[in-house]
Amino acid sequence: LLPLCLGEATKIAQFLLVERKQYCGTIRLGIETDTLDATGRILRQAPVPAYGQEVLRGLERQFRGTCWQTPPMYSALKHRGVPLYKLARRGIEVERAPRQIVIEELTLTPVGPDTLAFFLSCSKGTYVRSLAADIGRMLGCGAHLATLRRTAVGPFTVDDAIPFALLGESLQRGTFPLLSVAQALSHYRAFSLSEAAAARLRHGQQEVLRTLPAARHPHEVVRLLAPDGTVIALAAQQDGKWQLVRVLETLQ
């Protein structure tokens, strides 16, 4: 699943990037690779130990919640301006700072003697390849990510997605199936403004933000609506007060 933003909607892309994500896929036990997935070079092989449902339930509990994860070398993160994967391809490994992530849900299901199927709901910044390798490490045999499919990003699910083949047909017919900005942001709290306040906000005047209710959490993002219900701007809580972060045109 890949949400695409077009035109004025590109202004909200940054908010989609930080949304919770869901994945499903498979983990191959007993084989470690340098990329932590099936495309990499095999580094080590080990026999897969016997394990039961009790072991898997324990692993699920252990990884759920807030935890720290070290990004893999084969990633787009940069070290002194150079992507890590470029360093990895040259055989260079550098120290990476662990990042805090949140795993809301994890289920592991055996689908073969050396394969686990999984379902994962997690925060932004989670490397599923690293999670697969960590699970293999905990089982004592190593592992790598064999297959992966992203099934949800925030409010969007793969069930509502349009396959590329159908998308091409829509383009040929001249009908482009678009969701509105309002739909994309519907899960954010909204505040309605008067016409005068909306006009001032469109010009970047932020005095109206002082009248908004208190934030529910330190980094809350809210929608600001014109009297007709269109989203005209987004505000975020920063340093204890509301700040304007995006002003949108009337395209909804």
C-alpha atoms as a PDB file:
ATOM      1  CA  LEU A   1       0.000   0.000   0.000  1.00  0.00           C
ATOM      2  CA  LEU A   2       1.410   3.365  -1.048  1.00  0.00           C
ATOM      3  CA  PRO A   3      -0.591   6.577  -0.509  1.00  0.00           C
ATOM      4  CA  LEU A   4       0.144   9.123  -3.244  1.00  0.00           C
ATOM      5  CA  CYS A   5      -0.382  12.868  -2.866  1.00  0.00           C
ATOM      6  CA  LEU A   6      -1.025  15.075  -5.886  1.00  0.00           C
ATOM      7  CA  GLY A   7      -1.131  18.828  -6.334  1.00  0.00           C
ATOM      8  CA  GLU A   8      -2.200  20.754  -3.256  1.00  0.00           C
ATOM      9  CA  ALA A   9      -2.416  17.483  -1.306  1.00  0.00           C
ATOM     10  CA  THR A  10       1.395  17.176  -1.332  1.00  0.00           C
ATOM     11  CA  LYS A  11       1.254  19.638   1.581  1.00  0.00           C
ATOM     12  CA  ILE A  12      -0.098  16.872   3.819  1.00  0.00           C
ATOM     13  CA  ALA A  13       2.428  14.189   2.773  1.00  0.00           C
ATOM     14  CA  GLN A  14       4.519  14.836   5.897  1.00  0.00           C
ATOM     15  CA  PHE A  15       1.565  13.841   8.069  1.00  0.00           C
ATOM     16  CA  LEU A  16       1.077  10.553   6.221  1.00  0.00           C
ATOM     17  CA  LEU A  17       4.735   9.661   6.740  1.00  0.00           C
ATOM     18  CA  VAL A  18       4.346   9.626  10.524  1.00  0.00           C
ATOM     19  CA  GLU A  19       1.203   7.477  10.563  1.00  0.00           C
ATOM     20  CA  ARG A  20       0.991   4.041  12.150  1.00  0.00           C
ATOM     21  CA  LYS A  21       1.601   1.227   9.653  1.00  0.00           C
ATOM     22  CA  GLN A  22       0.553  -2.404   9.360  1.00  0.00           C
ATOM     23  CA  TYR A  23       2.419  -5.217   7.646  1.00  0.00           C
ATOM     24  CA  CYS A  24       2.117  -8.918   6.980  1.00  0.00           C
ATOM     25  CA  GLY A  25       4.735 -11.289   5.640  1.00  0.00           C
ATOM     26  CA  THR A  26       7.011 -14.203   6.447  1.00  0.00           C
ATOM     27  CA  ILE A  27      10.264 -14.715   8.346  1.00  0.00           C
ATOM     28  CA  ARG A  28      12.735 -17.419   7.304  1.00  0.00           C
ATOM     29  CA  LEU A  29      14.436 -18.989  10.314  1.00  0.00           C
ATOM     30  CA  GLY A  30      17.941 -20.425  10.382  1.00  0.00           C
ATOM     31  CA  ILE A  31      19.528 -18.101   7.797  1.00  0.00           C
ATOM     32  CA  GLU A  32      21.069 -14.685   8.469  1.00  0.00           C
ATOM     33  CA  THR A  33      21.860 -12.290   5.592  1.00  0.00           C
ATOM     34  CA  ASP A  34      23.803  -9.044   5.401  1.00  0.00           C
ATOM     35  CA  THR A  35      20.728  -7.063   4.305  1.00  0.00           C
ATOM     36  CA  LEU A  36      18.452  -8.836   6.824  1.00  0.00           C
ATOM     37  CA  ASP A  37      16.133  -9.864   3.964  1.00  0.00           C
ATOM     38  CA  ALA A  38      16.020 -12.429   1.151  1.00  0.00           C
ATOM     39  CA  THR A  39      18.019 -10.258  -1.284  1.00  0.00           C
ATOM     40  CA  GLY A  40      21.185 -10.326   0.791  1.00  0.00           C
ATOM     41  CA  ARG A  41      24.283 -12.468   1.005  1.00  0.00           C
ATOM     42  CA  ILE A  42      24.036 -15.375   3.445  1.00  0.00           C
ATOM     43  CA  LEU A  43      26.253 -14.804   6.475  1.00  0.00           C
ATOM     44  CA  ARG A  44      25.337 -17.705   8.716  1.00  0.00           C
ATOM     45  CA  GLN A  45      23.125 -20.768   8.801  1.00  0.00           C
ATOM     46  CA  ALA A  46      22.000 -22.691  11.849  1.00  0.00           C
ATOM     47  CA  PRO A  47      19.501 -25.437  12.636  1.00  0.00           C
ATOM     48  CA  VAL A  48      16.077 -24.230  13.732  1.00  0.00           C
ATOM     49  CA  PRO A  49      15.354 -25.350  17.297  1.00  0.00           C
ATOM     50  CA  ALA A  50      12.072 -26.873  18.336  1.00  0.00           C
ATOM     51  CA  TYR A  51       9.631 -24.269  19.605  1.00  0.00           C
ATOM     52  CA  GLY A  52       5.965 -24.246  20.527  1.00  0.00           C
ATOM     53  CA  GLN A  53       3.114 -21.804  20.902  1.00  0.00           C
ATOM     54  CA  GLU A  54       4.333 -20.817  24.343  1.00  0.00           C
ATOM     55  CA  VAL A  55       7.658 -19.634  22.909  1.00  0.00           C
ATOM     56  CA  LEU A  56       5.940 -17.622  20.166  1.00  0.00           C
ATOM     57  CA  ARG A  57       3.511 -15.975  22.597  1.00  0.00           C
ATOM     58  CA  GLY A  58       6.497 -15.023  24.746  1.00  0.00           C
ATOM     59  CA  LEU A  59       8.256 -13.440  21.766  1.00  0.00           C
ATOM     60  CA  GLU A  60       5.114 -11.477  20.882  1.00  0.00           C
ATOM     61  CA  ARG A  61       4.883 -10.109  24.418  1.00  0.00           C
ATOM     62  CA  GLN A  62       8.584  -9.292  24.514  1.00  0.00           C
ATOM     63  CA  PHE A  63       8.501  -7.144  21.369  1.00  0.00           C
ATOM     64  CA  ARG A  64       5.184  -5.382  21.981  1.00  0.00           C
ATOM     65  CA  GLY A  65       5.175  -1.859  23.371  1.00  0.00           C
ATOM     66  CA  THR A  66       7.808   0.852  23.332  1.00  0.00           C
ATOM     67  CA  CYS A  67      11.312  -0.376  22.600  1.00  0.00           C
ATOM     68  CA  TRP A  68      14.617   0.639  21.013  1.00  0.00           C
ATOM     69  CA  GLN A  69      15.746  -0.579  17.614  1.00  0.00           C
ATOM     70  CA  THR A  70      19.082  -0.125  15.847  1.00  0.00           C
ATOM     71  CA  PRO A  71      18.601   0.728  12.139  1.00  0.00           C
ATOM     72  CA  PRO A  72      20.239  -1.723   9.697  1.00  0.00           C
ATOM     73  CA  MET A  73      23.305  -0.773   7.688  1.00  0.00           C
ATOM     74  CA  TYR A  74      21.369  -1.415   4.492  1.00  0.00           C
ATOM     75  CA  SER A  75      19.070   1.587   4.903  1.00  0.00           C
ATOM     76  CA  ALA A  76      18.680   5.088   3.472  1.00  0.00           C
ATOM     77  CA  LEU A  77      19.716   6.782   6.710  1.00  0.00           C
ATOM     78  CA  LYS A  78      22.800   8.920   6.305  1.00  0.00           C
ATOM     79  CA  HIS A  79      26.141   8.994   8.096  1.00  0.00           C
ATOM     80  CA  ARG A  80      28.001  12.270   7.510  1.00  0.00           C
ATOM     81  CA  GLY A  81      25.901  12.835   4.407  1.00  0.00           C
ATOM     82  CA  VAL A  82      26.415   9.355   2.928  1.00  0.00           C
ATOM     83  CA  PRO A  83      23.522   6.825   2.820  1.00  0.00           C
ATOM     84  CA  LEU A  84      24.280   3.834   5.020  1.00  0.00           C
ATOM     85  CA  TYR A  85      23.580   1.339   2.248  1.00  0.00           C
ATOM     86  CA  LYS A  86      26.386   2.844   0.160  1.00  0.00           C
ATOM     87  CA  LEU A  87      28.803   2.339   3.046  1.00  0.00           C
ATOM     88  CA  ALA A  88      27.516  -1.207   3.556  1.00  0.00           C
ATOM     89  CA  ARG A  89      28.145  -2.063  -0.087  1.00  0.00           C
ATOM     90  CA  ARG A  90      31.768  -0.991   0.404  1.00  0.00           C
ATOM     91  CA  GLY A  91      32.064  -3.248   3.433  1.00  0.00           C
ATOM     92  CA  ILE A  92      32.027  -0.356   5.904  1.00  0.00           C
ATOM     93  CA  GLU A  93      29.953  -0.595   9.070  1.00  0.00           C
ATOM     94  CA  VAL A  94      29.426   2.417  11.322  1.00  0.00           C
ATOM     95  CA  GLU A  95      27.778   2.824  14.681  1.00  0.00           C
ATOM     96  CA  ARG A  96      24.067   3.651  14.498  1.00  0.00           C
ATOM     97  CA  ALA A  97      22.118   5.240  17.321  1.00  0.00           C
ATOM     98  CA  PRO A  98      19.114   3.182  18.476  1.00  0.00           C
ATOM     99  CA  ARG A  99      15.693   4.708  17.783  1.00  0.00           C
ATOM    100  CA  GLN A 100      12.582   4.465  19.883  1.00  0.00           C
ATOM    101  CA  ILE A 101       9.706   2.671  18.171  1.00  0.00           C
ATOM    102  CA  VAL A 102       6.302   1.370  19.236  1.00  0.00           C
ATOM    103  CA  ILE A 103       5.004  -2.071  18.287  1.00  0.00           C
ATOM    104  CA  GLU A 104       1.271  -2.062  18.944  1.00  0.00           C
ATOM    105  CA  GLU A 105       0.572  -5.597  17.798  1.00  0.00           C
ATOM    106  CA  LEU A 106       2.638  -8.592  16.727  1.00  0.00           C
ATOM    107  CA  THR A 107       1.420 -12.097  15.955  1.00  0.00           C
ATOM    108  CA  LEU A 108       3.646 -15.006  14.888  1.00  0.00           C
ATOM    109  CA  THR A 109       2.269 -18.134  13.226  1.00  0.00           C
ATOM    110  CA  PRO A 110       4.264 -21.188  12.064  1.00  0.00           C
ATOM    111  CA  VAL A 111       3.653 -21.984   8.375  1.00  0.00           C
ATOM    112  CA  GLY A 112       6.489 -24.474   7.908  1.00  0.00           C
ATOM    113  CA  PRO A 113       9.434 -26.033   9.729  1.00  0.00           C
ATOM    114  CA  ASP A 114      11.583 -22.934   9.170  1.00  0.00           C
ATOM    115  CA  THR A 115       9.038 -20.202   8.385  1.00  0.00           C
ATOM    116  CA  LEU A 116       6.892 -17.871  10.494  1.00  0.00           C
ATOM    117  CA  ALA A 117       4.046 -15.750   9.153  1.00  0.00           C
ATOM    118  CA  PHE A 118       3.527 -12.484  10.981  1.00  0.00           C
ATOM    119  CA  PHE A 119       1.158  -9.558  11.352  1.00  0.00           C
ATOM    120  CA  LEU A 120       2.583  -6.276  12.622  1.00  0.00           C
ATOM    121  CA  SER A 121       1.135  -2.910  13.622  1.00  0.00           C
ATOM    122  CA  CYS A 122       3.849  -0.387  14.443  1.00  0.00           C
ATOM    123  CA  SER A 123       4.984   3.218  14.572  1.00  0.00           C
ATOM    124  CA  LYS A 124       6.910   5.097  11.923  1.00  0.00           C
ATOM    125  CA  GLY A 125      10.617   4.333  11.766  1.00  0.00           C
ATOM    126  CA  THR A 126      10.203   0.619  12.464  1.00  0.00           C
ATOM    127  CA  TYR A 127      12.479  -1.588  10.376  1.00  0.00           C
ATOM    128  CA  VAL A 128      10.667  -4.877   9.866  1.00  0.00           C
ATOM    129  CA  ARG A 129      13.897  -6.491   8.623  1.00  0.00           C
ATOM    130  CA  SER A 130      15.559  -5.706  11.942  1.00  0.00           C
ATOM    131  CA  LEU A 131      12.585  -7.116  13.831  1.00  0.00           C
ATOM    132  CA  ALA A 132      12.818 -10.361  11.842  1.00  0.00           C
ATOM    133  CA  ALA A 133      16.537 -10.630  12.595  1.00  0.00           C
ATOM    134  CA  ASP A 134      15.920  -9.944  16.288  1.00  0.00           C
ATOM    135  CA  ILE A 135      13.274 -12.688  16.437  1.00  0.00           C
ATOM    136  CA  GLY A 136      15.738 -15.136  14.904  1.00  0.00           C
ATOM    137  CA  ARG A 137      18.381 -14.067  17.387  1.00  0.00           C
ATOM    138  CA  MET A 138      16.004 -14.660  20.296  1.00  0.00           C
ATOM    139  CA  LEU A 139      15.275 -18.158  18.965  1.00  0.00           C
ATOM    140  CA  GLY A 140      19.023 -18.799  18.718  1.00  0.00           C
ATOM    141  CA  CYS A 141      19.106 -19.683  15.029  1.00  0.00           C
ATOM    142  CA  GLY A 142      19.087 -16.337  13.235  1.00  0.00           C
ATOM    143  CA  ALA A 143      16.522 -15.268  10.648  1.00  0.00           C
ATOM    144  CA  HIS A 144      15.797 -12.889   7.806  1.00  0.00           C
ATOM    145  CA  LEU A 145      12.718 -11.220   6.340  1.00  0.00           C
ATOM    146  CA  ALA A 146      11.471 -13.423   3.491  1.00  0.00           C
ATOM    147  CA  THR A 147       8.370 -11.536   2.278  1.00  0.00           C
ATOM    148  CA  LEU A 148       6.689  -8.279   3.237  1.00  0.00           C
ATOM    149  CA  ARG A 149       3.468  -6.472   2.365  1.00  0.00           C
ATOM    150  CA  ARG A 150       2.272  -3.175   3.825  1.00  0.00           C
ATOM    151  CA  THR A 151      -1.471  -3.396   4.389  1.00  0.00           C
ATOM    152  CA  ALA A 152      -2.307  -0.090   6.113  1.00  0.00           C
ATOM    153  CA  VAL A 153      -0.989   3.447   6.549  1.00  0.00           C
ATOM    154  CA  GLY A 154      -2.948   5.452   9.094  1.00  0.00           C
ATOM    155  CA  PRO A 155      -6.600   5.467   7.973  1.00  0.00           C
ATOM    156  CA  PHE A 156      -5.819   3.898   4.577  1.00  0.00           C
ATOM    157  CA  THR A 157      -5.991   0.121   4.056  1.00  0.00           C
ATOM    158  CA  VAL A 158      -4.982  -2.074   1.157  1.00  0.00           C
ATOM    159  CA  ASP A 159      -8.604  -3.195   0.808  1.00  0.00           C
ATOM    160  CA  ASP A 160      -9.451   0.319  -0.373  1.00  0.00           C
ATOM    161  CA  ALA A 161      -6.409   0.638  -2.631  1.00  0.00           C
ATOM    162  CA  ILE A 162      -6.495   0.647  -6.426  1.00  0.00           C
ATOM    163  CA  PRO A 163      -4.215  -1.848  -8.258  1.00  0.00           C
ATOM    164  CA  PHE A 164      -1.881  -0.297 -10.812  1.00  0.00           C
ATOM    165  CA  ALA A 165      -3.653  -2.079 -13.677  1.00  0.00           C
ATOM    166  CA  LEU A 166      -7.001  -0.514 -12.781  1.00  0.00           C
ATOM    167  CA  LEU A 167      -5.333   2.832 -12.200  1.00  0.00           C
ATOM    168  CA  GLY A 168      -4.018   2.769 -15.758  1.00  0.00           C
ATOM    169  CA  GLU A 169      -7.486   2.010 -17.080  1.00  0.00           C
ATOM    170  CA  SER A 170      -8.908   4.949 -15.112  1.00  0.00           C
ATOM    171  CA  LEU A 171      -6.325   7.278 -16.623  1.00  0.00           C
ATOM    172  CA  GLN A 172      -7.228   6.131 -20.126  1.00  0.00           C
ATOM    173  CA  ARG A 173     -10.893   6.856 -19.409  1.00  0.00           C
ATOM    174  CA  GLY A 174      -9.977  10.275 -18.019  1.00  0.00           C
ATOM    175  CA  THR A 175     -11.337   9.471 -14.566  1.00  0.00           C
ATOM    176  CA  PHE A 176      -8.802   9.666 -11.770  1.00  0.00           C
ATOM    177  CA  PRO A 177     -10.002   8.091  -8.487  1.00  0.00           C
ATOM    178  CA  LEU A 178      -8.946  10.620  -5.863  1.00  0.00           C
ATOM    179  CA  LEU A 179      -9.652  10.840  -2.155  1.00  0.00           C
ATOM    180  CA  SER A 180     -10.118  14.290  -0.695  1.00  0.00           C
ATOM    181  CA  VAL A 181      -7.740  16.040   1.682  1.00  0.00           C
ATOM    182  CA  ALA A 182     -10.610  16.078   4.182  1.00  0.00           C
ATOM    183  CA  GLN A 183     -10.891  12.268   3.963  1.00  0.00           C
ATOM    184  CA  ALA A 184      -7.149  11.823   4.379  1.00  0.00           C
ATOM    185  CA  LEU A 185      -7.166  13.939   7.550  1.00  0.00           C
ATOM    186  CA  SER A 186     -10.507  12.836   8.966  1.00  0.00           C
ATOM    187  CA  HIS A 187      -8.903  11.167  11.997  1.00  0.00           C
ATOM    188  CA  TYR A 188      -7.442  14.492  13.221  1.00  0.00           C
ATOM    189  CA  ARG A 189      -9.464  16.612  15.644  1.00  0.00           C
ATOM    190  CA  ALA A 190     -11.145  19.561  13.906  1.00  0.00           C
ATOM    191  CA  PHE A 191     -12.105  23.111  14.921  1.00  0.00           C
ATOM    192  CA  SER A 192     -14.456  25.309  12.910  1.00  0.00           C
ATOM    193  CA  LEU A 193     -13.601  28.972  12.316  1.00  0.00           C
ATOM    194  CA  SER A 194     -15.633  31.975  11.293  1.00  0.00           C
ATOM    195  CA  GLU A 195     -15.304  33.304   7.752  1.00  0.00           C
ATOM    196  CA  ALA A 196     -13.295  36.277   9.011  1.00  0.00           C
ATOM    197  CA  ALA A 197     -10.954  34.089  11.059  1.00  0.00           C
ATOM    198  CA  ALA A 198     -10.522  31.702   8.128  1.00  0.00           C
ATOM    199  CA  ALA A 199      -9.597  34.591   5.819  1.00  0.00           C
ATOM    200  CA  ARG A 200      -6.966  35.848   8.259  1.00  0.00           C
ATOM    201  CA  LEU A 201      -5.548  32.348   8.671  1.00  0.00           C
ATOM    202  CA  ARG A 202      -5.227  31.939   4.888  1.00  0.00           C
ATOM    203  CA  HIS A 203      -2.939  34.966   4.982  1.00  0.00           C
ATOM    204  CA  GLY A 204      -0.781  33.428   7.708  1.00  0.00           C
ATOM    205  CA  GLN A 205      -2.176  35.507  10.574  1.00  0.00           C
ATOM    206  CA  GLN A 206      -2.102  33.212  13.593  1.00  0.00           C
ATOM    207  CA  GLU A 207      -3.915  35.244  16.280  1.00  0.00           C
ATOM    208  CA  VAL A 208      -6.948  32.964  15.956  1.00  0.00           C
ATOM    209  CA  LEU A 209      -4.864  30.031  17.196  1.00  0.00           C
ATOM    210  CA  ARG A 210      -4.868  31.533  20.683  1.00  0.00           C
ATOM    211  CA  THR A 211      -8.604  30.833  20.930  1.00  0.00           C
ATOM    212  CA  LEU A 212      -8.293  27.093  20.287  1.00  0.00           C
ATOM    213  CA  PRO A 213      -8.903  24.606  23.126  1.00  0.00           C
ATOM    214  CA  ALA A 214      -5.963  23.006  24.899  1.00  0.00           C
ATOM    215  CA  ALA A 215      -4.120  20.187  23.161  1.00  0.00           C
ATOM    216  CA  ARG A 216      -4.813  16.609  24.180  1.00  0.00           C
ATOM    217  CA  HIS A 217      -1.130  15.683  24.001  1.00  0.00           C
ATOM    218  CA  PRO A 218       2.151  17.606  23.546  1.00  0.00           C
ATOM    219  CA  HIS A 219       2.449  17.171  19.758  1.00  0.00           C
ATOM    220  CA  GLU A 220      -1.185  17.059  18.669  1.00  0.00           C
ATOM    221  CA  VAL A 221      -2.048  18.113  15.104  1.00  0.00           C
ATOM    222  CA  VAL A 222      -5.543  19.511  14.408  1.00  0.00           C
ATOM    223  CA  ARG A 223      -7.584  20.534  11.379  1.00  0.00           C
ATOM    224  CA  LEU A 224      -8.902  24.078  11.041  1.00  0.00           C
ATOM    225  CA  LEU A 225     -12.118  24.311   9.037  1.00  0.00           C
ATOM    226  CA  ALA A 226     -13.845  27.081   7.121  1.00  0.00           C
ATOM    227  CA  PRO A 227     -17.599  27.537   7.774  1.00  0.00           C
ATOM    228  CA  ASP A 228     -18.411  25.248   4.820  1.00  0.00           C
ATOM    229  CA  GLY A 229     -16.324  22.420   6.373  1.00  0.00           C
ATOM    230  CA  THR A 230     -13.318  22.585   4.065  1.00  0.00           C
ATOM    231  CA  VAL A 231      -9.885  22.116   5.618  1.00  0.00           C
ATOM    232  CA  ILE A 232      -8.006  25.400   5.308  1.00  0.00           C
ATOM    233  CA  ALA A 233      -5.036  24.735   7.566  1.00  0.00           C
ATOM    234  CA  LEU A 234      -3.290  22.411   9.995  1.00  0.00           C
ATOM    235  CA  ALA A 235      -1.943  23.496  13.345  1.00  0.00           C
ATOM    236  CA  ALA A 236       0.342  21.612  15.716  1.00  0.00           C
ATOM    237  CA  GLN A 237       1.145  21.968  19.381  1.00  0.00           C
ATOM    238  CA  GLN A 238       4.722  23.186  19.712  1.00  0.00           C
ATOM    239  CA  ASP A 239       6.386  24.409  22.898  1.00  0.00           C
ATOM    240  CA  GLY A 240       3.058  24.555  24.688  1.00  0.00           C
ATOM    241  CA  LYS A 241       1.134  26.585  22.102  1.00  0.00           C
ATOM    242  CA  TRP A 242      -0.554  26.131  18.735  1.00  0.00           C
ATOM    243  CA  GLN A 243       1.527  26.885  15.648  1.00  0.00           C
ATOM    244  CA  LEU A 244       0.399  27.020  12.041  1.00  0.00           C
ATOM    245  CA  VAL A 245       2.177  24.249  10.105  1.00  0.00           C
ATOM    246  CA  ARG A 246       0.282  24.103   6.792  1.00  0.00           C
ATOM    247  CA  VAL A 247      -2.167  26.356   4.951  1.00  0.00           C
ATOM    248  CA  LEU A 248      -4.227  24.665   2.223  1.00  0.00           C
ATOM    249  CA  GLU A 249      -6.118  26.072  -0.706  1.00  0.00           C
ATOM    250  CA  THR A 250      -9.774  25.225  -1.144  1.00  0.00           C
ATOM    251  CA  LEU A 251      -9.058  21.945  -2.970  1.00  0.00           C
ATOM    252  CA  GLN A 252     -10.689  19.267  -0.762  1.00  0.00           C
END
